[in-house]
Amino acid sequence: MKTLLLKKEEVGRLITMRDVIGAVEEAYKAFNSDQVEQPDYIGMHLPSPGSEIDFKLSHYKTNELISMKTSSGGFVNNPTAFGVPSAMGTILLFDARNGALICVMDGSLITGLRTGAAGAVSVKVLARKDARRITSIGTGNQARMQIRAIREVINIEEIHAWDNSADTLSRYKADIESEFGIPVVIARSKKDAVEQADILVTTTRGKGSLVEADWVKPGTHIVAIGTDQRGKQELDPEVFRNAKIVVDSIAQCSEKGETWHPLDRHVITKDRIHGEIGEILLGRKPGREHDDEVTIFDSTGMAIQDNTTASKIYSNAIERRVGTFFEFFES
C-alpha cells in the first residue's frame, strides 16, 4: 500500500468552495447521526507570543476514514526567522479498516475553506432570506474566506468592515472589491459597522468583547468564528441573552467557544442553547423562525469537517491522478 502526498497547490486545484460547503453540511449531519467518533481537541499555547498549535482527530464511520489535523498560528516571526509561514496545517488520513496512513496533505487551505464554509452553512439556515448586507469585524484571511463562502449562498450587495489595523482594512477593501466586485465601506467605528449588519461576521483573535449588545439590530445573524479557546472573546455576553443560539458542538462551544462567556457570567444557562447546527440541517429543530430574532452561530471548528473535506480532496486526487505516491510502509 502506498501513501499519497498532496502539496498546497495540488490541494487548491482539487476542490471548490461549493464542494467544501457540501462537505461541511455532510459533516454536521454525520455528527448528529451517530456516525462520528471525535475526541476533544487539544490546543497548546507555545512560547512565542500569540502562538498556538491545535490537534483535531475524527473517525467517520460512513467513509471509514480517520483524519488527524495539526494547525498552528500566531508565529509572526516565522517568515523572517525560519523561512516558513506564520500559520501552517497538515492533515493525515488513515484507513479505519487497517490503520494504514493513506494520505498526507497540506491542511492550511482546508482549515480556511471549511471554516468559511461553516459560516455559509449557518447563513443558509439562520439568516433572513432578504439578508444582503454583511459587516465584517476583522479583515484578515478568514474574513475573506467568509465572504468567498457566503457569496455562494446569498447575493451580497455591500460589506461594512472594521479592523484595528488601517493597513489590513485598506488591503481587505481593495482585495474584496477587486475579486468579487462587492463594494466595501470602511466603517468609522465598530458601532457604526455593527449597526449596518444583516449578517455580522467576527473573525478576530480578540481577547475582549468587540461587539456590544445594544449595537445589534433585530433580525441580525451573527457568525462568531474567532473564539475557539479559553481567553478569546469577541461578543458582549449580553448579546446572547435574548438570541437564538446555535453551535457546531455544544460540548466544545460551552467549554472553549464564544458561548462559554455568557455561561460563565450566568447570562444564560446551557439549556438556552437552541441546538447544534446538524440538528437543524437534519430537520430535527427549526432554524430561523421569524425576521426579528437575533441568531448566533458559534463555531469552534470540528475535526469531522476536516475529515469530510479531506476525503473529498483525496477521492478527487485519485480520480484525477494528482499528487505523488511514496512507500511509507515496508512489508
C-alpha atoms as a PDB file:
ATOM      1  CA  MET A   1       0.000   0.000   0.000  1.00  0.00           C
ATOM      2  CA  LYS A   2       1.354   3.412  -0.971  1.00  0.00           C
ATOM      3  CA  THR A   3       0.721   6.780   0.663  1.00  0.00           C
ATOM      4  CA  LEU A   4      -0.343   9.829  -1.353  1.00  0.00           C
ATOM      5  CA  LEU A   5       1.337  13.199  -0.795  1.00  0.00           C
ATOM      6  CA  LEU A   6      -0.649  16.324  -1.722  1.00  0.00           C
ATOM      7  CA  LYS A   7       1.020  19.730  -1.539  1.00  0.00           C
ATOM      8  CA  LYS A   8      -0.767  23.042  -1.022  1.00  0.00           C
ATOM      9  CA  GLU A   9      -1.007  23.931  -4.715  1.00  0.00           C
ATOM     10  CA  GLU A  10      -2.405  20.479  -5.501  1.00  0.00           C
ATOM     11  CA  VAL A  11      -4.993  20.680  -2.728  1.00  0.00           C
ATOM     12  CA  GLY A  12      -6.121  24.041  -4.077  1.00  0.00           C
ATOM     13  CA  ARG A  13      -6.755  22.526  -7.528  1.00  0.00           C
ATOM     14  CA  LEU A  14      -8.760  19.608  -6.193  1.00  0.00           C
ATOM     15  CA  ILE A  15     -11.714  21.308  -4.504  1.00  0.00           C
ATOM     16  CA  THR A  16     -14.054  24.281  -4.884  1.00  0.00           C
ATOM     17  CA  MET A  17     -15.784  26.314  -2.187  1.00  0.00           C
ATOM     18  CA  ARG A  18     -19.117  24.863  -3.271  1.00  0.00           C
ATOM     19  CA  ASP A  19     -17.660  21.361  -2.727  1.00  0.00           C
ATOM     20  CA  VAL A  20     -16.476  22.371   0.741  1.00  0.00           C
ATOM     21  CA  ILE A  21     -19.873  23.764   1.724  1.00  0.00           C
ATOM     22  CA  GLY A  22     -21.366  20.384   0.802  1.00  0.00           C
ATOM     23  CA  ALA A  23     -18.669  18.545   2.763  1.00  0.00           C
ATOM     24  CA  VAL A  24     -19.272  20.695   5.853  1.00  0.00           C
ATOM     25  CA  GLU A  25     -23.028  20.119   5.667  1.00  0.00           C
ATOM     26  CA  GLU A  26     -22.309  16.390   5.472  1.00  0.00           C
ATOM     27  CA  ALA A  27     -20.041  16.675   8.500  1.00  0.00           C
ATOM     28  CA  TYR A  28     -22.651  18.438  10.621  1.00  0.00           C
ATOM     29  CA  LYS A  29     -25.330  15.899   9.711  1.00  0.00           C
ATOM     30  CA  ALA A  30     -22.980  12.984  10.394  1.00  0.00           C
ATOM     31  CA  PHE A  31     -22.053  14.431  13.789  1.00  0.00           C
ATOM     32  CA  ASN A  32     -25.713  14.413  14.813  1.00  0.00           C
ATOM     33  CA  SER A  33     -26.379  10.973  13.315  1.00  0.00           C
ATOM     34  CA  ASP A  34     -24.018   8.927  15.488  1.00  0.00           C
ATOM     35  CA  GLN A  35     -21.600   8.433  12.593  1.00  0.00           C
ATOM     36  CA  VAL A  36     -18.666  10.258  14.182  1.00  0.00           C
ATOM     37  CA  GLU A  37     -16.095   9.491  16.846  1.00  0.00           C
ATOM     38  CA  GLN A  38     -14.409  12.740  17.786  1.00  0.00           C
ATOM     39  CA  PRO A  39     -12.296  13.180  20.925  1.00  0.00           C
ATOM     40  CA  ASP A  40     -11.878  16.614  22.459  1.00  0.00           C
ATOM     41  CA  TYR A  41      -9.302  18.552  20.502  1.00  0.00           C
ATOM     42  CA  ILE A  42      -6.050  19.617  22.082  1.00  0.00           C
ATOM     43  CA  GLY A  43      -4.923  23.222  21.914  1.00  0.00           C
ATOM     44  CA  MET A  44      -1.487  24.262  23.124  1.00  0.00           C
ATOM     45  CA  HIS A  45      -0.146  27.770  23.645  1.00  0.00           C
ATOM     46  CA  LEU A  46       3.529  27.986  22.774  1.00  0.00           C
ATOM     47  CA  PRO A  47       6.324  30.294  23.994  1.00  0.00           C
ATOM     48  CA  SER A  48       6.271  32.661  21.016  1.00  0.00           C
ATOM     49  CA  PRO A  49       3.777  35.441  21.930  1.00  0.00           C
ATOM     50  CA  GLY A  50       0.353  34.740  20.466  1.00  0.00           C
ATOM     51  CA  SER A  51       1.321  31.373  19.001  1.00  0.00           C
ATOM     52  CA  GLU A  52      -0.622  28.138  19.329  1.00  0.00           C
ATOM     53  CA  ILE A  53      -0.986  24.686  17.817  1.00  0.00           C
ATOM     54  CA  ASP A  54      -4.142  22.549  17.736  1.00  0.00           C
ATOM     55  CA  PHE A  55      -4.649  18.820  17.183  1.00  0.00           C
ATOM     56  CA  LYS A  56      -8.009  17.516  15.945  1.00  0.00           C
ATOM     57  CA  LEU A  57      -8.926  13.860  15.371  1.00  0.00           C
ATOM     58  CA  SER A  58     -12.057  12.206  13.971  1.00  0.00           C
ATOM     59  CA  HIS A  59     -13.347   8.872  12.710  1.00  0.00           C
ATOM     60  CA  TYR A  60     -16.199   8.979  10.183  1.00  0.00           C
ATOM     61  CA  LYS A  61     -17.869   5.579  10.183  1.00  0.00           C
ATOM     62  CA  THR A  62     -19.532   6.116   6.811  1.00  0.00           C
ATOM     63  CA  ASN A  63     -16.368   6.666   4.768  1.00  0.00           C
ATOM     64  CA  GLU A  64     -14.191   4.513   7.059  1.00  0.00           C
ATOM     65  CA  LEU A  65     -11.553   7.230   7.289  1.00  0.00           C
ATOM     66  CA  ILE A  66      -9.730   8.631  10.294  1.00  0.00           C
ATOM     67  CA  SER A  67      -8.357  12.144   9.980  1.00  0.00           C
ATOM     68  CA  MET A  68      -5.808  13.887  12.166  1.00  0.00           C
ATOM     69  CA  LYS A  69      -5.055  17.546  11.614  1.00  0.00           C
ATOM     70  CA  THR A  70      -2.463  19.796  13.152  1.00  0.00           C
ATOM     71  CA  SER A  71      -2.823  23.540  12.662  1.00  0.00           C
ATOM     72  CA  SER A  72      -0.595  26.262  14.017  1.00  0.00           C
ATOM     73  CA  GLY A  73      -0.820  30.025  14.010  1.00  0.00           C
ATOM     74  CA  GLY A  74       0.438  33.237  15.502  1.00  0.00           C
ATOM     75  CA  PHE A  75       4.130  32.653  14.751  1.00  0.00           C
ATOM     76  CA  VAL A  76       4.675  36.179  13.496  1.00  0.00           C
ATOM     77  CA  ASN A  77       8.471  35.809  13.172  1.00  0.00           C
ATOM     78  CA  ASN A  78       8.352  32.600  11.130  1.00  0.00           C
ATOM     79  CA  PRO A  79       8.820  34.124   7.654  1.00  0.00           C
ATOM     80  CA  THR A  80      11.956  36.041   8.606  1.00  0.00           C
ATOM     81  CA  ALA A  81      13.414  33.742  11.264  1.00  0.00           C
ATOM     82  CA  PHE A  82      12.671  30.308   9.790  1.00  0.00           C
ATOM     83  CA  GLY A  83      11.513  30.848   6.218  1.00  0.00           C
ATOM     84  CA  VAL A  84       8.130  29.204   6.828  1.00  0.00           C
ATOM     85  CA  PRO A  85       4.597  30.665   7.089  1.00  0.00           C
ATOM     86  CA  SER A  86       3.264  32.120  10.331  1.00  0.00           C
ATOM     87  CA  ALA A  87       0.349  29.657  10.137  1.00  0.00           C
ATOM     88  CA  MET A  88       0.547  26.066   8.878  1.00  0.00           C
ATOM     89  CA  GLY A  89      -1.526  22.911   8.754  1.00  0.00           C
ATOM     90  CA  THR A  90      -1.152  19.225   7.920  1.00  0.00           C
ATOM     91  CA  ILE A  91      -3.795  16.508   7.570  1.00  0.00           C
ATOM     92  CA  LEU A  92      -3.152  12.785   7.826  1.00  0.00           C
ATOM     93  CA  LEU A  93      -5.781  10.352   6.520  1.00  0.00           C
ATOM     94  CA  PHE A  94      -5.848   6.762   7.797  1.00  0.00           C
ATOM     95  CA  ASP A  95      -7.854   3.804   6.521  1.00  0.00           C
ATOM     96  CA  ALA A  96     -10.027   2.876   9.520  1.00  0.00           C
ATOM     97  CA  ARG A  97     -10.192  -0.750   8.360  1.00  0.00           C
ATOM     98  CA  ASN A  98      -6.479  -1.359   8.902  1.00  0.00           C
ATOM     99  CA  GLY A  99      -4.935   1.781  10.428  1.00  0.00           C
ATOM    100  CA  ALA A 100      -2.736   2.465   7.382  1.00  0.00           C
ATOM    101  CA  LEU A 101      -1.710   6.015   6.515  1.00  0.00           C
ATOM    102  CA  ILE A 102      -3.129   6.615   3.038  1.00  0.00           C
ATOM    103  CA  CYS A 103      -2.599  10.345   2.556  1.00  0.00           C
ATOM    104  CA  VAL A 104      -0.552  13.274   3.816  1.00  0.00           C
ATOM    105  CA  MET A 105      -1.881  16.617   2.619  1.00  0.00           C
ATOM    106  CA  ASP A 106      -1.380  20.290   3.276  1.00  0.00           C
ATOM    107  CA  GLY A 107      -4.044  21.397   5.733  1.00  0.00           C
ATOM    108  CA  SER A 108      -3.662  25.150   5.715  1.00  0.00           C
ATOM    109  CA  LEU A 109      -6.113  25.691   2.872  1.00  0.00           C
ATOM    110  CA  ILE A 110      -8.596  23.181   4.276  1.00  0.00           C
ATOM    111  CA  THR A 111      -8.828  24.936   7.632  1.00  0.00           C
ATOM    112  CA  GLY A 112      -9.607  28.239   5.958  1.00  0.00           C
ATOM    113  CA  LEU A 113     -12.022  26.736   3.444  1.00  0.00           C
ATOM    114  CA  ARG A 114     -14.058  24.633   5.839  1.00  0.00           C
ATOM    115  CA  THR A 115     -14.237  27.456   8.403  1.00  0.00           C
ATOM    116  CA  GLY A 116     -15.549  29.779   5.711  1.00  0.00           C
ATOM    117  CA  ALA A 117     -17.990  27.107   4.591  1.00  0.00           C
ATOM    118  CA  ALA A 118     -19.267  26.722   8.158  1.00  0.00           C
ATOM    119  CA  GLY A 119     -20.321  30.362   8.154  1.00  0.00           C
ATOM    120  CA  ALA A 120     -22.086  29.907   4.826  1.00  0.00           C
ATOM    121  CA  VAL A 121     -23.983  26.849   6.075  1.00  0.00           C
ATOM    122  CA  SER A 122     -25.188  28.842   9.079  1.00  0.00           C
ATOM    123  CA  VAL A 123     -26.321  31.682   6.802  1.00  0.00           C
ATOM    124  CA  LYS A 124     -28.433  29.216   4.793  1.00  0.00           C
ATOM    125  CA  VAL A 125     -30.457  28.148   7.828  1.00  0.00           C
ATOM    126  CA  LEU A 126     -30.266  31.117  10.213  1.00  0.00           C
ATOM    127  CA  ALA A 127     -30.013  34.380   8.255  1.00  0.00           C
ATOM    128  CA  ARG A 128     -33.064  36.257   6.997  1.00  0.00           C
ATOM    129  CA  LYS A 129     -33.979  35.404   3.427  1.00  0.00           C
ATOM    130  CA  ASP A 130     -33.566  39.053   2.459  1.00  0.00           C
ATOM    131  CA  ALA A 131     -30.132  39.456   4.114  1.00  0.00           C
ATOM    132  CA  ARG A 132     -27.804  41.263   1.715  1.00  0.00           C
ATOM    133  CA  ARG A 133     -25.511  43.429   3.840  1.00  0.00           C
ATOM    134  CA  ILE A 134     -22.569  41.945   5.710  1.00  0.00           C
ATOM    135  CA  THR A 135     -20.461  43.516   8.437  1.00  0.00           C
ATOM    136  CA  SER A 136     -17.010  42.079   8.971  1.00  0.00           C
ATOM    137  CA  ILE A 137     -15.303  42.714  12.302  1.00  0.00           C
ATOM    138  CA  GLY A 138     -11.769  41.653  11.454  1.00  0.00           C
ATOM    139  CA  THR A 139     -10.393  41.753   7.920  1.00  0.00           C
ATOM    140  CA  GLY A 140      -7.714  39.059   7.799  1.00  0.00           C
ATOM    141  CA  ASN A 141      -7.574  35.873   5.753  1.00  0.00           C
ATOM    142  CA  GLN A 142     -10.586  34.212   7.393  1.00  0.00           C
ATOM    143  CA  ALA A 143     -12.699  37.323   6.892  1.00  0.00           C
ATOM    144  CA  ARG A 144     -12.008  36.997   3.166  1.00  0.00           C
ATOM    145  CA  MET A 145     -12.819  33.293   3.267  1.00  0.00           C
ATOM    146  CA  GLN A 146     -16.174  34.002   4.899  1.00  0.00           C
ATOM    147  CA  ILE A 147     -17.081  36.296   2.008  1.00  0.00           C
ATOM    148  CA  ARG A 148     -15.954  33.701  -0.564  1.00  0.00           C
ATOM    149  CA  ALA A 149     -18.225  31.142   1.080  1.00  0.00           C
ATOM    150  CA  ILE A 150     -21.255  33.283   1.939  1.00  0.00           C
ATOM    151  CA  ARG A 151     -21.451  34.691  -1.592  1.00  0.00           C
ATOM    152  CA  GLU A 152     -22.116  31.099  -2.721  1.00  0.00           C
ATOM    153  CA  VAL A 153     -25.392  31.037  -0.783  1.00  0.00           C
ATOM    154  CA  ILE A 154     -26.683  34.650  -0.905  1.00  0.00           C
ATOM    155  CA  ASN A 155     -26.287  37.739  -3.061  1.00  0.00           C
ATOM    156  CA  ILE A 156     -24.064  40.121  -1.068  1.00  0.00           C
ATOM    157  CA  GLU A 157     -24.790  43.715  -2.009  1.00  0.00           C
ATOM    158  CA  GLU A 158     -22.494  45.571   0.402  1.00  0.00           C
ATOM    159  CA  ILE A 159     -19.882  44.920   3.090  1.00  0.00           C
ATOM    160  CA  HIS A 160     -19.137  47.177   6.055  1.00  0.00           C
ATOM    161  CA  ALA A 161     -15.730  46.448   7.538  1.00  0.00           C
ATOM    162  CA  TRP A 162     -13.827  47.350  10.679  1.00  0.00           C
ATOM    163  CA  ASP A 163     -10.362  46.380  11.845  1.00  0.00           C
ATOM    164  CA  ASN A 164      -7.955  47.854  14.372  1.00  0.00           C
ATOM    165  CA  SER A 165      -5.288  47.917  11.646  1.00  0.00           C
ATOM    166  CA  ALA A 166      -5.852  50.564   8.990  1.00  0.00           C
ATOM    167  CA  ASP A 167      -3.414  48.838   6.616  1.00  0.00           C
ATOM    168  CA  THR A 168      -5.168  45.473   6.908  1.00  0.00           C
ATOM    169  CA  LEU A 169      -8.512  47.167   6.426  1.00  0.00           C
ATOM    170  CA  SER A 170      -7.447  49.010   3.266  1.00  0.00           C
ATOM    171  CA  ARG A 171      -5.977  45.809   1.781  1.00  0.00           C
ATOM    172  CA  TYR A 172      -9.213  43.968   2.553  1.00  0.00           C
ATOM    173  CA  LYS A 173     -11.258  46.633   0.766  1.00  0.00           C
ATOM    174  CA  ALA A 174      -9.001  46.512  -2.299  1.00  0.00           C
ATOM    175  CA  ASP A 175      -8.929  42.702  -2.396  1.00  0.00           C
ATOM    176  CA  ILE A 176     -12.673  42.140  -1.976  1.00  0.00           C
ATOM    177  CA  GLU A 177     -13.664  44.816  -4.473  1.00  0.00           C
ATOM    178  CA  SER A 178     -11.131  43.514  -6.988  1.00  0.00           C
ATOM    179  CA  GLU A 179     -12.009  39.813  -6.589  1.00  0.00           C
ATOM    180  CA  PHE A 180     -15.782  39.993  -6.252  1.00  0.00           C
ATOM    181  CA  GLY A 181     -16.875  43.495  -7.263  1.00  0.00           C
ATOM    182  CA  ILE A 182     -18.700  43.893  -3.940  1.00  0.00           C
ATOM    183  CA  PRO A 183     -18.460  47.438  -2.519  1.00  0.00           C
ATOM    184  CA  VAL A 184     -16.715  47.642   0.846  1.00  0.00           C
ATOM    185  CA  VAL A 185     -17.469  50.540   3.194  1.00  0.00           C
ATOM    186  CA  ILE A 186     -14.746  51.284   5.735  1.00  0.00           C
ATOM    187  CA  ALA A 187     -16.638  51.932   8.942  1.00  0.00           C
ATOM    188  CA  ARG A 188     -15.903  54.904  11.169  1.00  0.00           C
ATOM    189  CA  SER A 189     -16.271  52.705  14.245  1.00  0.00           C
ATOM    190  CA  LYS A 190     -17.192  49.194  15.342  1.00  0.00           C
ATOM    191  CA  LYS A 191     -20.597  50.509  16.419  1.00  0.00           C
ATOM    192  CA  ASP A 192     -21.334  52.009  13.015  1.00  0.00           C
ATOM    193  CA  ALA A 193     -20.293  48.784  11.303  1.00  0.00           C
ATOM    194  CA  VAL A 194     -22.374  46.502  13.515  1.00  0.00           C
ATOM    195  CA  GLU A 195     -25.477  48.664  13.193  1.00  0.00           C
ATOM    196  CA  GLN A 196     -25.435  48.144   9.412  1.00  0.00           C
ATOM    197  CA  ALA A 197     -25.370  44.356   9.524  1.00  0.00           C
ATOM    198  CA  ASP A 198     -27.914  41.883   8.261  1.00  0.00           C
ATOM    199  CA  ILE A 199     -25.147  39.312   8.827  1.00  0.00           C
ATOM    200  CA  LEU A 200     -22.359  40.080  11.303  1.00  0.00           C
ATOM    201  CA  VAL A 201     -19.136  38.087  10.902  1.00  0.00           C
ATOM    202  CA  THR A 202     -16.457  38.213  13.610  1.00  0.00           C
ATOM    203  CA  THR A 203     -13.073  36.700  12.734  1.00  0.00           C
ATOM    204  CA  THR A 204     -10.571  38.288  15.119  1.00  0.00           C
ATOM    205  CA  ARG A 205      -8.255  36.747  17.699  1.00  0.00           C
ATOM    206  CA  GLY A 206      -9.957  39.011  20.235  1.00  0.00           C
ATOM    207  CA  LYS A 207      -9.259  38.988  23.955  1.00  0.00           C
ATOM    208  CA  GLY A 208     -12.337  41.001  24.986  1.00  0.00           C
ATOM    209  CA  SER A 209     -15.800  41.897  23.758  1.00  0.00           C
ATOM    210  CA  LEU A 210     -15.627  43.819  20.483  1.00  0.00           C
ATOM    211  CA  VAL A 211     -19.378  43.874  19.807  1.00  0.00           C
ATOM    212  CA  GLU A 212     -21.764  45.418  22.321  1.00  0.00           C
ATOM    213  CA  ALA A 213     -25.281  44.050  22.709  1.00  0.00           C
ATOM    214  CA  ASP A 214     -27.116  47.320  22.078  1.00  0.00           C
ATOM    215  CA  TRP A 215     -25.397  47.727  18.681  1.00  0.00           C
ATOM    216  CA  VAL A 216     -27.020  44.570  17.268  1.00  0.00           C
ATOM    217  CA  LYS A 217     -30.274  45.303  15.461  1.00  0.00           C
ATOM    218  CA  PRO A 218     -33.237  42.880  15.436  1.00  0.00           C
ATOM    219  CA  GLY A 219     -33.011  40.259  12.718  1.00  0.00           C
ATOM    220  CA  THR A 220     -29.212  40.111  12.647  1.00  0.00           C
ATOM    221  CA  HIS A 221     -27.481  36.776  12.137  1.00  0.00           C
ATOM    222  CA  ILE A 222     -24.089  36.580  13.853  1.00  0.00           C
ATOM    223  CA  VAL A 223     -21.355  34.248  12.613  1.00  0.00           C
ATOM    224  CA  ALA A 224     -18.925  34.010  15.555  1.00  0.00           C
ATOM    225  CA  ILE A 225     -15.722  32.462  14.247  1.00  0.00           C
ATOM    226  CA  GLY A 226     -12.787  33.890  16.200  1.00  0.00           C
ATOM    227  CA  THR A 227     -13.218  32.243  19.610  1.00  0.00           C
ATOM    228  CA  ASP A 228     -12.031  28.644  19.781  1.00  0.00           C
ATOM    229  CA  GLN A 229     -10.071  28.635  23.042  1.00  0.00           C
ATOM    230  CA  ARG A 230     -10.478  29.984  26.553  1.00  0.00           C
ATOM    231  CA  GLY A 231      -9.182  33.540  26.713  1.00  0.00           C
ATOM    232  CA  LYS A 232     -10.530  34.563  23.314  1.00  0.00           C
ATOM    233  CA  GLN A 233     -13.685  36.654  23.092  1.00  0.00           C
ATOM    234  CA  GLU A 234     -15.466  38.828  20.509  1.00  0.00           C
ATOM    235  CA  LEU A 235     -19.058  39.355  21.710  1.00  0.00           C
ATOM    236  CA  ASP A 236     -20.544  41.074  24.743  1.00  0.00           C
ATOM    237  CA  PRO A 237     -22.136  38.178  26.698  1.00  0.00           C
ATOM    238  CA  GLU A 238     -25.365  40.193  26.797  1.00  0.00           C
ATOM    239  CA  VAL A 239     -25.741  39.586  23.044  1.00  0.00           C
ATOM    240  CA  PHE A 240     -26.700  36.013  23.961  1.00  0.00           C
ATOM    241  CA  ARG A 241     -29.431  36.868  26.467  1.00  0.00           C
ATOM    242  CA  ASN A 242     -32.346  37.025  24.035  1.00  0.00           C
ATOM    243  CA  ALA A 243     -30.769  35.434  20.951  1.00  0.00           C
ATOM    244  CA  LYS A 244     -31.334  32.047  19.336  1.00  0.00           C
ATOM    245  CA  ILE A 245     -28.021  30.282  19.992  1.00  0.00           C
ATOM    246  CA  VAL A 246     -26.849  27.580  17.594  1.00  0.00           C
ATOM    247  CA  VAL A 247     -23.451  25.890  17.854  1.00  0.00           C
ATOM    248  CA  ASP A 248     -21.431  23.328  15.940  1.00  0.00           C
ATOM    249  CA  SER A 249     -20.786  21.291  19.098  1.00  0.00           C
ATOM    250  CA  ILE A 250     -22.403  22.017  22.466  1.00  0.00           C
ATOM    251  CA  ALA A 251     -19.551  20.251  24.248  1.00  0.00           C
ATOM    252  CA  GLN A 252     -16.868  22.359  22.554  1.00  0.00           C
ATOM    253  CA  CYS A 253     -18.650  25.700  22.449  1.00  0.00           C
ATOM    254  CA  SER A 254     -19.719  25.616  26.089  1.00  0.00           C
ATOM    255  CA  GLU A 255     -16.115  24.941  27.140  1.00  0.00           C
ATOM    256  CA  LYS A 256     -13.971  26.784  24.568  1.00  0.00           C
ATOM    257  CA  GLY A 257     -16.225  28.864  22.318  1.00  0.00           C
ATOM    258  CA  GLU A 258     -17.878  32.257  22.426  1.00  0.00           C
ATOM    259  CA  THR A 259     -20.807  30.644  24.263  1.00  0.00           C
ATOM    260  CA  TRP A 260     -18.568  29.967  27.263  1.00  0.00           C
ATOM    261  CA  HIS A 261     -18.562  33.650  28.219  1.00  0.00           C
ATOM    262  CA  PRO A 262     -22.332  34.120  28.767  1.00  0.00           C
ATOM    263  CA  LEU A 263     -22.429  30.752  30.530  1.00  0.00           C
ATOM    264  CA  ASP A 264     -19.571  31.786  32.805  1.00  0.00           C
ATOM    265  CA  ARG A 265     -21.221  35.153  33.546  1.00  0.00           C
ATOM    266  CA  HIS A 266     -24.595  33.440  34.205  1.00  0.00           C
ATOM    267  CA  VAL A 267     -26.218  35.461  31.424  1.00  0.00           C
ATOM    268  CA  ILE A 268     -27.615  32.178  30.074  1.00  0.00           C
ATOM    269  CA  THR A 269     -27.766  28.546  31.154  1.00  0.00           C
ATOM    270  CA  LYS A 270     -26.843  25.646  28.899  1.00  0.00           C
ATOM    271  CA  ASP A 271     -30.492  24.796  28.245  1.00  0.00           C
ATOM    272  CA  ARG A 272     -30.793  28.156  26.445  1.00  0.00           C
ATOM    273  CA  ILE A 273     -28.650  26.789  23.615  1.00  0.00           C
ATOM    274  CA  HIS A 274     -31.172  26.100  20.843  1.00  0.00           C
ATOM    275  CA  GLY A 275     -29.166  23.219  19.435  1.00  0.00           C
ATOM    276  CA  GLU A 276     -26.377  22.053  17.173  1.00  0.00           C
ATOM    277  CA  ILE A 277     -26.477  23.057  13.530  1.00  0.00           C
ATOM    278  CA  GLY A 278     -26.554  19.425  12.413  1.00  0.00           C
ATOM    279  CA  GLU A 279     -29.916  19.054  14.173  1.00  0.00           C
ATOM    280  CA  ILE A 280     -31.314  21.917  12.098  1.00  0.00           C
ATOM    281  CA  LEU A 281     -29.897  20.501   8.857  1.00  0.00           C
ATOM    282  CA  LEU A 282     -31.493  17.142   9.673  1.00  0.00           C
ATOM    283  CA  GLY A 283     -34.853  18.818  10.264  1.00  0.00           C
ATOM    284  CA  ARG A 284     -34.971  17.916  13.957  1.00  0.00           C
ATOM    285  CA  LYS A 285     -35.012  21.536  15.127  1.00  0.00           C
ATOM    286  CA  PRO A 286     -36.109  24.748  13.410  1.00  0.00           C
ATOM    287  CA  GLY A 287     -33.702  27.353  12.106  1.00  0.00           C
ATOM    288  CA  ARG A 288     -34.779  30.991  11.921  1.00  0.00           C
ATOM    289  CA  GLU A 289     -38.460  31.271  12.793  1.00  0.00           C
ATOM    290  CA  HIS A 290     -39.133  34.991  12.338  1.00  0.00           C
ATOM    291  CA  ASP A 291     -37.408  38.004  10.831  1.00  0.00           C
ATOM    292  CA  ASP A 292     -36.847  39.913  14.072  1.00  0.00           C
ATOM    293  CA  GLU A 293     -34.956  37.291  16.038  1.00  0.00           C
ATOM    294  CA  VAL A 294     -31.214  37.624  16.567  1.00  0.00           C
ATOM    295  CA  THR A 295     -29.450  34.378  15.730  1.00  0.00           C
ATOM    296  CA  ILE A 296     -25.918  33.398  16.714  1.00  0.00           C
ATOM    297  CA  PHE A 297     -23.839  30.618  15.210  1.00  0.00           C
ATOM    298  CA  ASP A 298     -20.890  29.829  17.472  1.00  0.00           C
ATOM    299  CA  SER A 299     -18.315  27.775  15.571  1.00  0.00           C
ATOM    300  CA  THR A 300     -15.247  26.332  17.280  1.00  0.00           C
ATOM    301  CA  GLY A 301     -14.476  24.055  14.324  1.00  0.00           C
ATOM    302  CA  MET A 302     -14.730  20.281  14.407  1.00  0.00           C
ATOM    303  CA  ALA A 303     -12.420  17.549  13.234  1.00  0.00           C
ATOM    304  CA  ILE A 304     -15.201  15.895  11.249  1.00  0.00           C
ATOM    305  CA  GLN A 305     -15.253  18.966   8.969  1.00  0.00           C
ATOM    306  CA  ASP A 306     -11.606  18.284   8.135  1.00  0.00           C
ATOM    307  CA  ASN A 307     -12.417  14.613   7.604  1.00  0.00           C
ATOM    308  CA  THR A 308     -15.214  15.093   5.071  1.00  0.00           C
ATOM    309  CA  THR A 309     -13.347  17.863   3.234  1.00  0.00           C
ATOM    310  CA  ALA A 310     -10.069  15.934   3.089  1.00  0.00           C
ATOM    311  CA  SER A 311     -11.935  12.813   1.971  1.00  0.00           C
ATOM    312  CA  LYS A 312     -13.379  14.719  -0.987  1.00  0.00           C
ATOM    313  CA  ILE A 313      -9.933  16.049  -1.893  1.00  0.00           C
ATOM    314  CA  TYR A 314      -8.383  12.579  -1.627  1.00  0.00           C
ATOM    315  CA  SER A 315     -11.023  10.960  -3.843  1.00  0.00           C
ATOM    316  CA  ASN A 316     -10.654  13.761  -6.403  1.00  0.00           C
ATOM    317  CA  ALA A 317      -6.871  13.303  -6.359  1.00  0.00           C
ATOM    318  CA  ILE A 318      -7.186   9.559  -7.053  1.00  0.00           C
ATOM    319  CA  GLU A 319      -9.707  10.157  -9.829  1.00  0.00           C
ATOM    320  CA  ARG A 320      -7.619  12.907 -11.478  1.00  0.00           C
ATOM    321  CA  ARG A 321      -4.225  11.307 -10.771  1.00  0.00           C
ATOM    322  CA  VAL A 322      -2.902  14.297  -8.859  1.00  0.00           C
ATOM    323  CA  GLY A 323      -0.158  14.051  -6.210  1.00  0.00           C
ATOM    324  CA  THR A 324       2.823  11.845  -5.519  1.00  0.00           C
ATOM    325  CA  PHE A 325       2.722   8.325  -4.104  1.00  0.00           C
ATOM    326  CA  PHE A 326       5.534   7.153  -1.838  1.00  0.00           C
ATOM    327  CA  GLU A 327       6.414   3.968   0.012  1.00  0.00           C
ATOM    328  CA  PHE A 328       5.726   4.596   3.692  1.00  0.00           C
ATOM    329  CA  PHE A 329       5.345   1.017   4.850  1.00  0.00           C
ATOM    330  CA  GLU A 330       7.631  -1.933   4.343  1.00  0.00           C
ATOM    331  CA  SER A 331       6.045  -5.386   4.388  1.00  0.00           C
END
